[in-house]
Amino acid sequence: MFLNLALKVQLKSSMGYNFSYPFNKNLEHFIAVHINTDGTPEVLYNGPGKPIHDFLKKRKRKTYKDIWYTITANHLRELDKNIPIQDKLSENK
């Protein structure tokens, strides 16, 4: 028997150190990947959107035209440290 689990995931990748996060959205799951200069990926954040949403609201971050917030790679790394392993999506190899 298979479970049919559908999860809405937003994936962002960048060679820079700033990522956009949708304004006023509590995403089910968010993954942010930094692409290093040698082409290797670094997963900065893999988890529910709520911790990011709460962080941005608490910090009273300004938005770009009420479309998105900007969050740094370092903030995403720090937030990711508090995400339990069972709340992360696993990689399929």
C-alpha atoms as a PDB file:
ATOM      1  CA  MET A   1       0.000   0.000   0.000  1.00  0.00           C
ATOM      2  CA  PHE A   2       1.323   3.434  -0.948  1.00  0.00           C
ATOM      3  CA  LEU A   3       0.453   6.726   0.664  1.00  0.00           C
ATOM      4  CA  ASN A   4      -0.309   9.554  -1.707  1.00  0.00           C
ATOM      5  CA  LEU A   5       1.344  12.506  -0.005  1.00  0.00           C
ATOM      6  CA  ALA A   6       1.358  15.738  -1.943  1.00  0.00           C
ATOM      7  CA  LEU A   7       3.520  18.515  -0.555  1.00  0.00           C
ATOM      8  CA  LYS A   8       3.855  21.965  -2.024  1.00  0.00           C
ATOM      9  CA  VAL A   9       7.544  22.853  -2.147  1.00  0.00           C
ATOM     10  CA  GLN A  10       9.220  26.065  -3.228  1.00  0.00           C
ATOM     11  CA  LEU A  11      12.837  25.654  -4.327  1.00  0.00           C
ATOM     12  CA  LYS A  12      15.158  28.629  -4.698  1.00  0.00           C
ATOM     13  CA  SER A  13      18.715  28.500  -5.975  1.00  0.00           C
ATOM     14  CA  SER A  14      21.238  31.272  -6.323  1.00  0.00           C
ATOM     15  CA  MET A  15      24.905  31.938  -6.837  1.00  0.00           C
ATOM     16  CA  GLY A  16      24.421  34.990  -4.612  1.00  0.00           C
ATOM     17  CA  TYR A  17      23.869  35.192  -0.888  1.00  0.00           C
ATOM     18  CA  ASN A  18      20.359  36.619  -0.780  1.00  0.00           C
ATOM     19  CA  PHE A  19      17.161  34.693  -1.366  1.00  0.00           C
ATOM     20  CA  SER A  20      13.594  35.816  -1.894  1.00  0.00           C
ATOM     21  CA  TYR A  21      10.737  34.493   0.208  1.00  0.00           C
ATOM     22  CA  PRO A  22       7.104  35.223  -0.732  1.00  0.00           C
ATOM     23  CA  PHE A  23       5.410  38.050   1.129  1.00  0.00           C
ATOM     24  CA  ASN A  24       2.838  36.992   3.690  1.00  0.00           C
ATOM     25  CA  LYS A  25       3.067  33.298   2.803  1.00  0.00           C
ATOM     26  CA  ASN A  26       3.533  30.420   5.169  1.00  0.00           C
ATOM     27  CA  LEU A  27       4.880  27.875   2.669  1.00  0.00           C
ATOM     28  CA  GLU A  28       4.464  24.178   3.346  1.00  0.00           C
ATOM     29  CA  HIS A  29       8.117  23.558   2.536  1.00  0.00           C
ATOM     30  CA  PHE A  30      11.019  25.724   1.384  1.00  0.00           C
ATOM     31  CA  ILE A  31      14.425  24.670   0.082  1.00  0.00           C
ATOM     32  CA  ALA A  32      17.202  27.189  -0.573  1.00  0.00           C
ATOM     33  CA  VAL A  33      20.335  26.065  -2.424  1.00  0.00           C
ATOM     34  CA  HIS A  34      23.467  28.140  -2.902  1.00  0.00           C
ATOM     35  CA  ILE A  35      25.484  27.258  -6.025  1.00  0.00           C
ATOM     36  CA  ASN A  36      29.188  27.586  -5.222  1.00  0.00           C
ATOM     37  CA  THR A  37      31.657  28.987  -7.761  1.00  0.00           C
ATOM     38  CA  ASP A  38      32.859  25.449  -8.549  1.00  0.00           C
ATOM     39  CA  GLY A  39      29.271  24.440  -9.380  1.00  0.00           C
ATOM     40  CA  THR A  40      28.637  22.358  -6.269  1.00  0.00           C
ATOM     41  CA  PRO A  41      25.364  22.934  -4.416  1.00  0.00           C
ATOM     42  CA  GLU A  42      25.022  23.764  -0.722  1.00  0.00           C
ATOM     43  CA  VAL A  43      21.586  23.288   0.801  1.00  0.00           C
ATOM     44  CA  LEU A  44      21.108  26.256   3.118  1.00  0.00           C
ATOM     45  CA  TYR A  45      17.579  25.497   4.256  1.00  0.00           C
ATOM     46  CA  ASN A  46      15.310  22.481   3.945  1.00  0.00           C
ATOM     47  CA  GLY A  47      12.164  22.645   6.010  1.00  0.00           C
ATOM     48  CA  PRO A  48       8.745  24.144   6.620  1.00  0.00           C
ATOM     49  CA  GLY A  49       8.228  27.763   5.669  1.00  0.00           C
ATOM     50  CA  LYS A  50       6.821  28.761   9.068  1.00  0.00           C
ATOM     51  CA  PRO A  51      10.194  29.348  10.794  1.00  0.00           C
ATOM     52  CA  ILE A  52      11.263  31.662   7.961  1.00  0.00           C
ATOM     53  CA  HIS A  53       7.902  33.438   7.910  1.00  0.00           C
ATOM     54  CA  ASP A  54       8.036  33.936  11.695  1.00  0.00           C
ATOM     55  CA  PHE A  55      11.656  35.172  11.529  1.00  0.00           C
ATOM     56  CA  LEU A  56      10.814  37.737   8.856  1.00  0.00           C
ATOM     57  CA  LYS A  57       7.719  38.974  10.709  1.00  0.00           C
ATOM     58  CA  LYS A  58       9.572  39.198  14.029  1.00  0.00           C
ATOM     59  CA  ARG A  59      12.362  41.226  12.433  1.00  0.00           C
ATOM     60  CA  LYS A  60       9.792  43.465  10.695  1.00  0.00           C
ATOM     61  CA  ARG A  61      11.648  43.087   7.428  1.00  0.00           C
ATOM     62  CA  LYS A  62      10.642  45.333   4.563  1.00  0.00           C
ATOM     63  CA  THR A  63       9.256  43.778   1.429  1.00  0.00           C
ATOM     64  CA  TYR A  64       9.749  44.447  -2.230  1.00  0.00           C
ATOM     65  CA  LYS A  65       6.366  45.859  -3.361  1.00  0.00           C
ATOM     66  CA  ASP A  66       4.598  43.452  -0.980  1.00  0.00           C
ATOM     67  CA  ILE A  67       5.693  40.617  -3.270  1.00  0.00           C
ATOM     68  CA  TRP A  68       8.694  39.127  -1.428  1.00  0.00           C
ATOM     69  CA  TYR A  69      11.123  39.503   1.416  1.00  0.00           C
ATOM     70  CA  THR A  70      14.870  39.107   1.122  1.00  0.00           C
ATOM     71  CA  ILE A  71      16.651  36.761   3.512  1.00  0.00           C
ATOM     72  CA  THR A  72      20.385  36.098   3.656  1.00  0.00           C
ATOM     73  CA  ALA A  73      22.150  32.771   3.272  1.00  0.00           C
ATOM     74  CA  ASN A  74      23.507  33.069   6.815  1.00  0.00           C
ATOM     75  CA  HIS A  75      20.020  33.528   8.281  1.00  0.00           C
ATOM     76  CA  LEU A  76      18.791  30.508   6.335  1.00  0.00           C
ATOM     77  CA  ARG A  77      21.707  28.395   7.635  1.00  0.00           C
ATOM     78  CA  GLU A  78      20.913  29.414  11.213  1.00  0.00           C
ATOM     79  CA  LEU A  79      17.197  28.691  10.846  1.00  0.00           C
ATOM     80  CA  ASP A  80      17.963  25.319   9.243  1.00  0.00           C
ATOM     81  CA  LYS A  81      19.913  24.210  12.337  1.00  0.00           C
ATOM     82  CA  ASN A  82      16.639  24.146  14.306  1.00  0.00           C
ATOM     83  CA  ILE A  83      14.696  22.031  11.807  1.00  0.00           C
ATOM     84  CA  PRO A  84      14.250  18.440  13.033  1.00  0.00           C
ATOM     85  CA  ILE A  85      15.535  15.818  10.579  1.00  0.00           C
ATOM     86  CA  GLN A  86      12.018  14.358  10.215  1.00  0.00           C
ATOM     87  CA  ASP A  87      10.818  17.739   8.862  1.00  0.00           C
ATOM     88  CA  LYS A  88      13.408  17.797   6.059  1.00  0.00           C
ATOM     89  CA  LEU A  89      12.856  16.310   2.630  1.00  0.00           C
ATOM     90  CA  SER A  90      15.348  13.557   1.925  1.00  0.00           C
ATOM     91  CA  GLU A  91      17.475  13.409  -1.192  1.00  0.00           C
ATOM     92  CA  ASN A  92      16.760  10.656  -3.701  1.00  0.00           C
ATOM     93  CA  LYS A  93      20.017   9.254  -4.987  1.00  0.00           C
END
